[in-house]
């Protein structure tokens, strides 16, 4: 199966993905954690939130986005599902709002 996938665009090279992801994260200054159980989880930790000033809330206009930022500031390990439950929206709404907030922050950096 691996040989078949290697011949497609779905896979570059068998058995190198975890090492390449780990190396790329290290080069970028990120910590990466792989968890193998019934499912496969990858957590990439970034310190970018440490560099974001706390007055960022004032620059975000949407109320729900402000609430999301506050939730993350209160608990930087909060999950998308936990945020969705607290704000009574879907997980995808949280994903979309976070993406829009990051886009705003990146476009309005000093």
PDB file of N, CA and C in Angstrom:
ATOM      1  N   UNK A   1       0.823  -1.183   0.000  1.00  0.00           N
ATOM      2  CA  UNK A   1       0.000   0.000   0.000  1.00  0.00           C
ATOM      3  C   UNK A   1       0.873   1.255   0.000  1.00  0.00           C
ATOM      4  N   UNK A   2       1.926   1.255   0.841  1.00  0.00           N
ATOM      5  CA  UNK A   2       2.823   2.401   0.901  1.00  0.00           C
ATOM      6  C   UNK A   2       3.486   2.673  -0.432  1.00  0.00           C
ATOM      7  N   UNK A   3       3.888   1.611  -1.126  1.00  0.00           N
ATOM      8  CA  UNK A   3       4.516   1.767  -2.431  1.00  0.00           C
ATOM      9  C   UNK A   3       3.547   2.380  -3.424  1.00  0.00           C
ATOM     10  N   UNK A   4       2.292   1.953  -3.369  1.00  0.00           N
ATOM     11  CA  UNK A   4       1.271   2.488  -4.262  1.00  0.00           C
ATOM     12  C   UNK A   4       1.051   3.974  -3.989  1.00  0.00           C
ATOM     13  N   UNK A   5       0.933   4.353  -2.714  1.00  0.00           N
ATOM     14  CA  UNK A   5       0.725   5.760  -2.364  1.00  0.00           C
ATOM     15  C   UNK A   5       1.937   6.612  -2.720  1.00  0.00           C
ATOM     16  N   UNK A   6       3.130   6.033  -2.609  1.00  0.00           N
ATOM     17  CA  UNK A   6       4.342   6.774  -2.943  1.00  0.00           C
ATOM     18  C   UNK A   6       4.379   7.151  -4.416  1.00  0.00           C
ATOM     19  N   UNK A   7       3.663   6.425  -5.228  1.00  0.00           N
ATOM     20  CA  UNK A   7       3.619   6.710  -6.663  1.00  0.00           C
ATOM     21  C   UNK A   7       2.584   7.777  -7.008  1.00  0.00           C
ATOM     22  N   UNK A   8       1.826   8.198  -6.037  1.00  0.00           N
ATOM     23  CA  UNK A   8       0.814   9.237  -6.254  1.00  0.00           C
ATOM     24  C   UNK A   8       1.300  10.546  -5.642  1.00  0.00           C
ATOM     25  N   UNK A   9       0.469  11.575  -5.751  1.00  0.00           N
ATOM     26  CA  UNK A   9       0.789  12.863  -5.133  1.00  0.00           C
ATOM     27  C   UNK A   9       0.406  12.904  -3.664  1.00  0.00           C
ATOM     28  N   UNK A  10      -0.156  11.816  -3.133  1.00  0.00           N
ATOM     29  CA  UNK A  10      -0.602  11.797  -1.747  1.00  0.00           C
ATOM     30  C   UNK A  10       0.544  11.601  -0.759  1.00  0.00           C
ATOM     31  N   UNK A  11       1.668  11.146  -1.232  1.00  0.00           N
ATOM     32  CA  UNK A  11       2.769  10.839  -0.327  1.00  0.00           C
ATOM     33  C   UNK A  11       4.083  11.116  -1.038  1.00  0.00           C
ATOM     34  N   UNK A  12       5.010  11.765  -0.335  1.00  0.00           N
ATOM     35  CA  UNK A  12       6.314  12.042  -0.930  1.00  0.00           C
ATOM     36  C   UNK A  12       7.266  10.867  -0.772  1.00  0.00           C
ATOM     37  N   UNK A  13       7.426  10.411   0.476  1.00  0.00           N
ATOM     38  CA  UNK A  13       8.360   9.330   0.747  1.00  0.00           C
ATOM     39  C   UNK A  13       7.906   8.606   2.006  1.00  0.00           C
ATOM     40  N   UNK A  14       7.869   7.304   1.959  1.00  0.00           N
ATOM     41  CA  UNK A  14       7.381   6.516   3.091  1.00  0.00           C
ATOM     42  C   UNK A  14       8.314   6.626   4.287  1.00  0.00           C
ATOM     43  N   UNK A  15       7.717   6.817   5.468  1.00  0.00           N
ATOM     44  CA  UNK A  15       8.461   6.765   6.713  1.00  0.00           C
ATOM     45  C   UNK A  15       9.259   7.998   7.084  1.00  0.00           C
ATOM     46  N   UNK A  16       9.049   9.128   6.405  1.00  0.00           N
ATOM     47  CA  UNK A  16       9.851  10.315   6.707  1.00  0.00           C
ATOM     48  C   UNK A  16       9.033  11.477   7.254  1.00  0.00           C
ATOM     49  N   UNK A  17       7.741  11.355   7.290  1.00  0.00           N
ATOM     50  CA  UNK A  17       6.871  12.477   7.652  1.00  0.00           C
ATOM     51  C   UNK A  17       7.077  13.013   9.050  1.00  0.00           C
ATOM     52  N   UNK A  18       7.135  12.124  10.031  1.00  0.00           N
ATOM     53  CA  UNK A  18       7.264  12.570  11.421  1.00  0.00           C
ATOM     54  C   UNK A  18       8.594  13.286  11.624  1.00  0.00           C
ATOM     55  N   UNK A  19       9.652  12.745  11.072  1.00  0.00           N
ATOM     56  CA  UNK A  19      10.965  13.377  11.214  1.00  0.00           C
ATOM     57  C   UNK A  19      10.987  14.733  10.508  1.00  0.00           C
ATOM     58  N   UNK A  20      10.383  14.822   9.319  1.00  0.00           N
ATOM     59  CA  UNK A  20      10.372  16.094   8.590  1.00  0.00           C
ATOM     60  C   UNK A  20       9.553  17.144   9.329  1.00  0.00           C
ATOM     61  N   UNK A  21       8.406  16.752   9.886  1.00  0.00           N
ATOM     62  CA  UNK A  21       7.584  17.689  10.654  1.00  0.00           C
ATOM     63  C   UNK A  21       8.342  18.147  11.892  1.00  0.00           C
ATOM     64  N   UNK A  22       8.968  17.211  12.597  1.00  0.00           N
ATOM     65  CA  UNK A  22       9.738  17.549  13.797  1.00  0.00           C
ATOM     66  C   UNK A  22      10.864  18.522  13.465  1.00  0.00           C
ATOM     67  N   UNK A  23      11.605  18.246  12.411  1.00  0.00           N
ATOM     68  CA  UNK A  23      12.709  19.127  12.018  1.00  0.00           C
ATOM     69  C   UNK A  23      12.213  20.508  11.607  1.00  0.00           C
ATOM     70  N   UNK A  24      11.126  20.556  10.842  1.00  0.00           N
ATOM     71  CA  UNK A  24      10.574  21.845  10.412  1.00  0.00           C
ATOM     72  C   UNK A  24      10.109  22.667  11.610  1.00  0.00           C
ATOM     73  N   UNK A  25       9.491  22.003  12.569  1.00  0.00           N
ATOM     74  CA  UNK A  25       9.035  22.711  13.771  1.00  0.00           C
ATOM     75  C   UNK A  25      10.215  23.242  14.570  1.00  0.00           C
ATOM     76  N   UNK A  26      11.252  22.430  14.723  1.00  0.00           N
ATOM     77  CA  UNK A  26      12.440  22.881  15.460  1.00  0.00           C
ATOM     78  C   UNK A  26      13.076  24.086  14.784  1.00  0.00           C
ATOM     79  N   UNK A  27      13.160  24.051  13.450  1.00  0.00           N
ATOM     80  CA  UNK A  27      13.734  25.168  12.702  1.00  0.00           C
ATOM     81  C   UNK A  27      12.925  26.443  12.904  1.00  0.00           C
ATOM     82  N   UNK A  28      11.627  26.291  13.106  1.00  0.00           N
ATOM     83  CA  UNK A  28      10.735  27.435  13.290  1.00  0.00           C
ATOM     84  C   UNK A  28      10.611  27.843  14.758  1.00  0.00           C
ATOM     85  N   UNK A  29      11.254  27.098  15.645  1.00  0.00           N
ATOM     86  CA  UNK A  29      11.189  27.419  17.065  1.00  0.00           C
ATOM     87  C   UNK A  29       9.942  26.910  17.759  1.00  0.00           C
ATOM     88  N   UNK A  30       9.301  25.911  17.178  1.00  0.00           N
ATOM     89  CA  UNK A  30       8.093  25.340  17.757  1.00  0.00           C
ATOM     90  C   UNK A  30       8.378  23.983  18.373  1.00  0.00           C
ATOM     91  N   UNK A  31       7.647  23.684  19.430  1.00  0.00           N
ATOM     92  CA  UNK A  31       7.706  22.361  20.049  1.00  0.00           C
ATOM     93  C   UNK A  31       6.600  21.519  19.420  1.00  0.00           C
ATOM     94  N   UNK A  32       6.893  20.275  19.108  1.00  0.00           N
ATOM     95  CA  UNK A  32       5.892  19.399  18.502  1.00  0.00           C
ATOM     96  C   UNK A  32       5.767  18.135  19.337  1.00  0.00           C
ATOM     97  N   UNK A  33       4.547  17.638  19.455  1.00  0.00           N
ATOM     98  CA  UNK A  33       4.280  16.444  20.247  1.00  0.00           C
ATOM     99  C   UNK A  33       3.378  15.526  19.434  1.00  0.00           C
ATOM    100  N   UNK A  34       3.801  14.284  19.266  1.00  0.00           N
ATOM    101  CA  UNK A  34       3.007  13.283  18.564  1.00  0.00           C
ATOM    102  C   UNK A  34       2.418  12.327  19.584  1.00  0.00           C
ATOM    103  N   UNK A  35       1.146  11.996  19.415  1.00  0.00           N
ATOM    104  CA  UNK A  35       0.483  11.050  20.313  1.00  0.00           C
ATOM    105  C   UNK A  35      -0.173   9.968  19.459  1.00  0.00           C
ATOM    106  N   UNK A  36       0.153   8.748  19.761  1.00  0.00           N
ATOM    107  CA  UNK A  36      -0.394   7.617  19.035  1.00  0.00           C
ATOM    108  C   UNK A  36      -1.222   6.780  20.002  1.00  0.00           C
ATOM    109  N   UNK A  37      -2.498   6.647  19.730  1.00  0.00           N
ATOM    110  CA  UNK A  37      -3.374   5.794  20.532  1.00  0.00           C
ATOM    111  C   UNK A  37      -4.373   5.189  19.557  1.00  0.00           C
ATOM    112  N   UNK A  38      -5.650   5.259  19.881  1.00  0.00           N
ATOM    113  CA  UNK A  38      -6.659   4.811  18.921  1.00  0.00           C
ATOM    114  C   UNK A  38      -6.683   5.722  17.702  1.00  0.00           C
ATOM    115  N   UNK A  39      -6.193   6.938  17.902  1.00  0.00           N
ATOM    116  CA  UNK A  39      -6.113   7.907  16.815  1.00  0.00           C
ATOM    117  C   UNK A  39      -4.723   8.535  16.825  1.00  0.00           C
ATOM    118  N   UNK A  40      -4.491   9.426  15.921  1.00  0.00           N
ATOM    119  CA  UNK A  40      -3.185  10.056  15.754  1.00  0.00           C
ATOM    120  C   UNK A  40      -3.345  11.551  15.996  1.00  0.00           C
ATOM    121  N   UNK A  41      -2.587  12.095  16.956  1.00  0.00           N
ATOM    122  CA  UNK A  41      -2.679  13.512  17.295  1.00  0.00           C
ATOM    123  C   UNK A  41      -1.313  14.162  17.146  1.00  0.00           C
ATOM    124  N   UNK A  42      -1.308  15.363  16.587  1.00  0.00           N
ATOM    125  CA  UNK A  42      -0.098  16.169  16.512  1.00  0.00           C
ATOM    126  C   UNK A  42      -0.415  17.511  17.156  1.00  0.00           C
ATOM    127  N   UNK A  43       0.401  17.905  18.123  1.00  0.00           N
ATOM    128  CA  UNK A  43       0.245  19.205  18.764  1.00  0.00           C
ATOM    129  C   UNK A  43       1.498  20.013  18.478  1.00  0.00           C
ATOM    130  N   UNK A  44       1.317  21.161  17.841  1.00  0.00           N
ATOM    131  CA  UNK A  44       2.436  22.054  17.570  1.00  0.00           C
ATOM    132  C   UNK A  44       2.256  23.270  18.463  1.00  0.00           C
ATOM    133  N   UNK A  45       3.210  23.463  19.349  1.00  0.00           N
ATOM    134  CA  UNK A  45       3.132  24.566  20.308  1.00  0.00           C
ATOM    135  C   UNK A  45       3.954  25.736  19.797  1.00  0.00           C
ATOM    136  N   UNK A  46       3.377  26.911  19.914  1.00  0.00           N
ATOM    137  CA  UNK A  46       4.039  28.112  19.452  1.00  0.00           C
ATOM    138  C   UNK A  46       4.045  29.151  20.548  1.00  0.00           C
ATOM    139  N   UNK A  47       5.067  29.947  20.595  1.00  0.00           N
ATOM    140  CA  UNK A  47       5.124  31.011  21.581  1.00  0.00           C
ATOM    141  C   UNK A  47       4.628  32.333  21.016  1.00  0.00           C
ATOM    142  N   UNK A  48       3.997  32.295  19.861  1.00  0.00           N
ATOM    143  CA  UNK A  48       3.539  33.533  19.236  1.00  0.00           C
ATOM    144  C   UNK A  48       2.560  34.283  20.133  1.00  0.00           C
ATOM    145  N   UNK A  49       1.747  33.554  20.887  1.00  0.00           N
ATOM    146  CA  UNK A  49       0.793  34.213  21.782  1.00  0.00           C
ATOM    147  C   UNK A  49       1.520  34.987  22.871  1.00  0.00           C
ATOM    148  N   UNK A  50       2.706  34.548  23.264  1.00  0.00           N
ATOM    149  CA  UNK A  50       3.482  35.266  24.268  1.00  0.00           C
ATOM    150  C   UNK A  50       3.923  36.632  23.762  1.00  0.00           C
ATOM    151  N   UNK A  51       4.044  36.771  22.450  1.00  0.00           N
ATOM    152  CA  UNK A  51       4.505  38.024  21.865  1.00  0.00           C
ATOM    153  C   UNK A  51       3.371  38.972  21.507  1.00  0.00           C
ATOM    154  N   UNK A  52       2.145  38.512  21.605  1.00  0.00           N
ATOM    155  CA  UNK A  52       0.991  39.341  21.267  1.00  0.00           C
ATOM    156  C   UNK A  52       0.627  40.163  22.491  1.00  0.00           C
ATOM    157  N   UNK A  53       0.495  41.444  22.323  1.00  0.00           N
ATOM    158  CA  UNK A  53       0.181  42.296  23.463  1.00  0.00           C
ATOM    159  C   UNK A  53      -1.256  42.092  23.899  1.00  0.00           C
ATOM    160  N   UNK A  54      -1.493  42.343  25.193  1.00  0.00           N
ATOM    161  CA  UNK A  54      -2.821  42.123  25.737  1.00  0.00           C
ATOM    162  C   UNK A  54      -3.826  43.167  25.282  1.00  0.00           C
ATOM    163  N   UNK A  55      -3.384  44.259  24.700  1.00  0.00           N
ATOM    164  CA  UNK A  55      -4.349  45.229  24.202  1.00  0.00           C
ATOM    165  C   UNK A  55      -4.919  44.830  22.850  1.00  0.00           C
ATOM    166  N   UNK A  56      -4.572  43.645  22.375  1.00  0.00           N
ATOM    167  CA  UNK A  56      -5.101  43.170  21.103  1.00  0.00           C
ATOM    168  C   UNK A  56      -6.621  43.092  21.134  1.00  0.00           C
ATOM    169  N   UNK A  57      -7.193  42.832  22.287  1.00  0.00           N
ATOM    170  CA  UNK A  57      -8.649  42.750  22.392  1.00  0.00           C
ATOM    171  C   UNK A  57      -9.292  44.050  21.936  1.00  0.00           C
ATOM    172  N   UNK A  58      -8.663  45.168  22.242  1.00  0.00           N
ATOM    173  CA  UNK A  58      -9.219  46.457  21.843  1.00  0.00           C
ATOM    174  C   UNK A  58      -9.231  46.635  20.333  1.00  0.00           C
ATOM    175  N   UNK A  59      -8.344  45.945  19.629  1.00  0.00           N
ATOM    176  CA  UNK A  59      -8.260  46.075  18.180  1.00  0.00           C
ATOM    177  C   UNK A  59      -9.187  45.127  17.433  1.00  0.00           C
ATOM    178  N   UNK A  60      -9.754  44.179  18.119  1.00  0.00           N
ATOM    179  CA  UNK A  60     -10.671  43.233  17.491  1.00  0.00           C
ATOM    180  C   UNK A  60     -12.082  43.733  17.737  1.00  0.00           C
ATOM    181  N   UNK A  61     -12.825  43.923  16.667  1.00  0.00           N
ATOM    182  CA  UNK A  61     -14.125  44.571  16.805  1.00  0.00           C
ATOM    183  C   UNK A  61     -15.251  43.608  17.139  1.00  0.00           C
ATOM    184  N   UNK A  62     -15.194  42.402  16.656  1.00  0.00           N
ATOM    185  CA  UNK A  62     -16.296  41.466  16.852  1.00  0.00           C
ATOM    186  C   UNK A  62     -16.316  40.951  18.288  1.00  0.00           C
ATOM    187  N   UNK A  63     -17.470  41.001  18.913  1.00  0.00           N
ATOM    188  CA  UNK A  63     -17.624  40.607  20.316  1.00  0.00           C
ATOM    189  C   UNK A  63     -17.228  39.154  20.562  1.00  0.00           C
ATOM    190  N   UNK A  64     -17.652  38.253  19.689  1.00  0.00           N
ATOM    191  CA  UNK A  64     -17.339  36.839  19.899  1.00  0.00           C
ATOM    192  C   UNK A  64     -15.838  36.596  19.762  1.00  0.00           C
ATOM    193  N   UNK A  65     -15.196  37.280  18.837  1.00  0.00           N
ATOM    194  CA  UNK A  65     -13.745  37.134  18.692  1.00  0.00           C
ATOM    195  C   UNK A  65     -13.040  37.627  19.953  1.00  0.00           C
ATOM    196  N   UNK A  66     -13.546  38.709  20.534  1.00  0.00           N
ATOM    197  CA  UNK A  66     -12.982  39.198  21.798  1.00  0.00           C
ATOM    198  C   UNK A  66     -13.152  38.141  22.889  1.00  0.00           C
ATOM    199  N   UNK A  67     -14.312  37.502  22.918  1.00  0.00           N
ATOM    200  CA  UNK A  67     -14.551  36.459  23.917  1.00  0.00           C
ATOM    201  C   UNK A  67     -13.594  35.288  23.715  1.00  0.00           C
ATOM    202  N   UNK A  68     -13.355  34.916  22.461  1.00  0.00           N
ATOM    203  CA  UNK A  68     -12.432  33.818  22.157  1.00  0.00           C
ATOM    204  C   UNK A  68     -11.028  34.165  22.647  1.00  0.00           C
ATOM    205  N   UNK A  69     -10.583  35.385  22.368  1.00  0.00           N
ATOM    206  CA  UNK A  69      -9.250  35.804  22.804  1.00  0.00           C
ATOM    207  C   UNK A  69      -9.156  35.776  24.323  1.00  0.00           C
ATOM    208  N   UNK A  70     -10.189  36.236  24.993  1.00  0.00           N
ATOM    209  CA  UNK A  70     -10.187  36.207  26.461  1.00  0.00           C
ATOM    210  C   UNK A  70     -10.114  34.772  26.986  1.00  0.00           C
ATOM    211  N   UNK A  71     -10.883  33.866  26.358  1.00  0.00           N
ATOM    212  CA  UNK A  71     -10.854  32.466  26.788  1.00  0.00           C
ATOM    213  C   UNK A  71      -9.452  31.878  26.638  1.00  0.00           C
ATOM    214  N   UNK A  72      -8.785  32.207  25.541  1.00  0.00           N
ATOM    215  CA  UNK A  72      -7.430  31.701  25.308  1.00  0.00           C
ATOM    216  C   UNK A  72      -6.457  32.312  26.308  1.00  0.00           C
ATOM    217  N   UNK A  73      -6.638  33.600  26.616  1.00  0.00           N
ATOM    218  CA  UNK A  73      -5.761  34.241  27.602  1.00  0.00           C
ATOM    219  C   UNK A  73      -5.946  33.619  28.985  1.00  0.00           C
ATOM    220  N   UNK A  74      -7.183  33.265  29.314  1.00  0.00           N
ATOM    221  CA  UNK A  74      -7.471  32.662  30.614  1.00  0.00           C
ATOM    222  C   UNK A  74      -6.943  31.232  30.707  1.00  0.00           C
ATOM    223  N   UNK A  75      -6.997  30.500  29.577  1.00  0.00           N
ATOM    224  CA  UNK A  75      -6.573  29.100  29.561  1.00  0.00           C
ATOM    225  C   UNK A  75      -6.013  28.790  28.179  1.00  0.00           C
ATOM    226  N   UNK A  76      -4.690  28.848  28.030  1.00  0.00           N
ATOM    227  CA  UNK A  76      -4.103  28.637  26.708  1.00  0.00           C
ATOM    228  C   UNK A  76      -4.138  27.182  26.257  1.00  0.00           C
ATOM    229  N   UNK A  77      -4.718  26.310  27.057  1.00  0.00           N
ATOM    230  CA  UNK A  77      -4.879  24.906  26.667  1.00  0.00           C
ATOM    231  C   UNK A  77      -6.346  24.581  26.350  1.00  0.00           C
ATOM    232  N   UNK A  78      -7.193  25.604  26.292  1.00  0.00           N
ATOM    233  CA  UNK A  78      -8.608  25.385  26.013  1.00  0.00           C
ATOM    234  C   UNK A  78      -8.766  24.821  24.601  1.00  0.00           C
ATOM    235  N   UNK A  79      -9.699  23.906  24.440  1.00  0.00           N
ATOM    236  CA  UNK A  79      -9.913  23.281  23.134  1.00  0.00           C
ATOM    237  C   UNK A  79     -10.984  24.036  22.357  1.00  0.00           C
ATOM    238  N   UNK A  80     -11.041  23.766  21.064  1.00  0.00           N
ATOM    239  CA  UNK A  80     -12.078  24.369  20.225  1.00  0.00           C
ATOM    240  C   UNK A  80     -13.464  23.972  20.715  1.00  0.00           C
ATOM    241  N   UNK A  81     -13.608  22.719  21.098  1.00  0.00           N
ATOM    242  CA  UNK A  81     -14.909  22.228  21.562  1.00  0.00           C
ATOM    243  C   UNK A  81     -15.316  22.925  22.849  1.00  0.00           C
ATOM    244  N   UNK A  82     -14.370  23.119  23.769  1.00  0.00           N
ATOM    245  CA  UNK A  82     -14.685  23.819  25.017  1.00  0.00           C
ATOM    246  C   UNK A  82     -15.108  25.262  24.744  1.00  0.00           C
ATOM    247  N   UNK A  83     -14.398  25.926  23.824  1.00  0.00           N
ATOM    248  CA  UNK A  83     -14.775  27.302  23.475  1.00  0.00           C
ATOM    249  C   UNK A  83     -16.156  27.341  22.841  1.00  0.00           C
ATOM    250  N   UNK A  84     -16.422  26.397  21.954  1.00  0.00           N
ATOM    251  CA  UNK A  84     -17.723  26.356  21.285  1.00  0.00           C
ATOM    252  C   UNK A  84     -18.847  26.187  22.298  1.00  0.00           C
ATOM    253  N   UNK A  85     -18.651  25.313  23.272  1.00  0.00           N
ATOM    254  CA  UNK A  85     -19.677  25.106  24.302  1.00  0.00           C
ATOM    255  C   UNK A  85     -19.883  26.366  25.130  1.00  0.00           C
ATOM    256  N   UNK A  86     -18.792  27.016  25.530  1.00  0.00           N
ATOM    257  CA  UNK A  86     -18.898  28.223  26.360  1.00  0.00           C
ATOM    258  C   UNK A  86     -19.603  29.356  25.620  1.00  0.00           C
ATOM    259  N   UNK A  87     -19.404  29.426  24.305  1.00  0.00           N
ATOM    260  CA  UNK A  87     -19.980  30.517  23.524  1.00  0.00           C
ATOM    261  C   UNK A  87     -21.250  30.109  22.779  1.00  0.00           C
ATOM    262  N   UNK A  88     -21.671  28.868  22.953  1.00  0.00           N
ATOM    263  CA  UNK A  88     -22.905  28.345  22.332  1.00  0.00           C
ATOM    264  C   UNK A  88     -22.896  28.477  20.811  1.00  0.00           C
ATOM    265  N   UNK A  89     -21.770  28.098  20.217  1.00  0.00           N
ATOM    266  CA  UNK A  89     -21.657  28.072  18.761  1.00  0.00           C
ATOM    267  C   UNK A  89     -21.017  26.743  18.365  1.00  0.00           C
ATOM    268  N   UNK A  90     -20.902  26.515  17.068  1.00  0.00           N
ATOM    269  CA  UNK A  90     -20.284  25.277  16.597  1.00  0.00           C
ATOM    270  C   UNK A  90     -18.760  25.397  16.632  1.00  0.00           C
ATOM    271  N   UNK A  91     -18.105  24.256  16.590  1.00  0.00           N
ATOM    272  CA  UNK A  91     -16.644  24.223  16.545  1.00  0.00           C
ATOM    273  C   UNK A  91     -16.137  24.937  15.294  1.00  0.00           C
ATOM    274  N   UNK A  92     -16.823  24.755  14.179  1.00  0.00           N
ATOM    275  CA  UNK A  92     -16.401  25.397  12.933  1.00  0.00           C
ATOM    276  C   UNK A  92     -16.515  26.915  13.013  1.00  0.00           C
ATOM    277  N   UNK A  93     -17.490  27.419  13.765  1.00  0.00           N
ATOM    278  CA  UNK A  93     -17.602  28.865  13.959  1.00  0.00           C
ATOM    279  C   UNK A  93     -16.380  29.383  14.705  1.00  0.00           C
ATOM    280  N   UNK A  94     -15.940  28.638  15.715  1.00  0.00           N
ATOM    281  CA  UNK A  94     -14.741  29.020  16.464  1.00  0.00           C
ATOM    282  C   UNK A  94     -13.524  29.016  15.539  1.00  0.00           C
ATOM    283  N   UNK A  95     -13.389  27.972  14.728  1.00  0.00           N
ATOM    284  CA  UNK A  95     -12.269  27.875  13.786  1.00  0.00           C
ATOM    285  C   UNK A  95     -12.266  29.084  12.853  1.00  0.00           C
ATOM    286  N   UNK A  96     -13.416  29.412  12.299  1.00  0.00           N
ATOM    287  CA  UNK A  96     -13.528  30.542  11.372  1.00  0.00           C
ATOM    288  C   UNK A  96     -13.179  31.861  12.071  1.00  0.00           C
ATOM    289  N   UNK A  97     -13.710  32.060  13.281  1.00  0.00           N
ATOM    290  CA  UNK A  97     -13.443  33.299  14.014  1.00  0.00           C
ATOM    291  C   UNK A  97     -11.963  33.439  14.365  1.00  0.00           C
ATOM    292  N   UNK A  98     -11.332  32.347  14.767  1.00  0.00           N
ATOM    293  CA  UNK A  98      -9.903  32.395  15.089  1.00  0.00           C
ATOM    294  C   UNK A  98      -9.094  32.727  13.835  1.00  0.00           C
ATOM    295  N   UNK A  99      -9.445  32.112  12.719  1.00  0.00           N
ATOM    296  CA  UNK A  99      -8.739  32.387  11.463  1.00  0.00           C
ATOM    297  C   UNK A  99      -8.883  33.857  11.075  1.00  0.00           C
ATOM    298  N   UNK A 100     -10.082  34.409  11.216  1.00  0.00           N
ATOM    299  CA  UNK A 100     -10.307  35.816  10.884  1.00  0.00           C
ATOM    300  C   UNK A 100      -9.549  36.736  11.832  1.00  0.00           C
ATOM    301  N   UNK A 101      -9.519  36.382  13.119  1.00  0.00           N
ATOM    302  CA  UNK A 101      -8.805  37.204  14.096  1.00  0.00           C
ATOM    303  C   UNK A 101      -7.303  37.197  13.813  1.00  0.00           C
ATOM    304  N   UNK A 102      -6.738  36.016  13.506  1.00  0.00           N
ATOM    305  CA  UNK A 102      -5.314  35.934  13.184  1.00  0.00           C
ATOM    306  C   UNK A 102      -5.004  36.723  11.922  1.00  0.00           C
ATOM    307  N   UNK A 103      -5.881  36.628  10.928  1.00  0.00           N
ATOM    308  CA  UNK A 103      -5.671  37.373   9.685  1.00  0.00           C
ATOM    309  C   UNK A 103      -5.632  38.865   9.982  1.00  0.00           C
ATOM    310  N   UNK A 104      -6.564  39.330  10.812  1.00  0.00           N
ATOM    311  CA  UNK A 104      -6.600  40.742  11.193  1.00  0.00           C
ATOM    312  C   UNK A 104      -5.305  41.136  11.901  1.00  0.00           C
ATOM    313  N   UNK A 105      -4.872  40.298  12.854  1.00  0.00           N
ATOM    314  CA  UNK A 105      -3.653  40.603  13.607  1.00  0.00           C
ATOM    315  C   UNK A 105      -2.426  40.665  12.700  1.00  0.00           C
ATOM    316  N   UNK A 106      -2.328  39.716  11.780  1.00  0.00           N
ATOM    317  CA  UNK A 106      -1.175  39.682  10.884  1.00  0.00           C
ATOM    318  C   UNK A 106      -1.159  40.874   9.936  1.00  0.00           C
ATOM    319  N   UNK A 107      -2.335  41.290   9.481  1.00  0.00           N
ATOM    320  CA  UNK A 107      -2.424  42.424   8.563  1.00  0.00           C
ATOM    321  C   UNK A 107      -2.170  43.749   9.263  1.00  0.00           C
ATOM    322  N   UNK A 108      -2.372  43.797  10.577  1.00  0.00           N
ATOM    323  CA  UNK A 108      -2.271  45.060  11.306  1.00  0.00           C
ATOM    324  C   UNK A 108      -1.114  45.082  12.295  1.00  0.00           C
ATOM    325  N   UNK A 109      -0.072  44.310  12.004  1.00  0.00           N
ATOM    326  CA  UNK A 109       1.118  44.325  12.854  1.00  0.00           C
ATOM    327  C   UNK A 109       1.861  45.634  12.653  1.00  0.00           C
ATOM    328  N   UNK A 110       2.517  46.074  13.714  1.00  0.00           N
ATOM    329  CA  UNK A 110       3.323  47.313  13.613  1.00  0.00           C
ATOM    330  C   UNK A 110       4.624  47.042  12.926  1.00  0.00           C
TER     331      UNK A 110
END
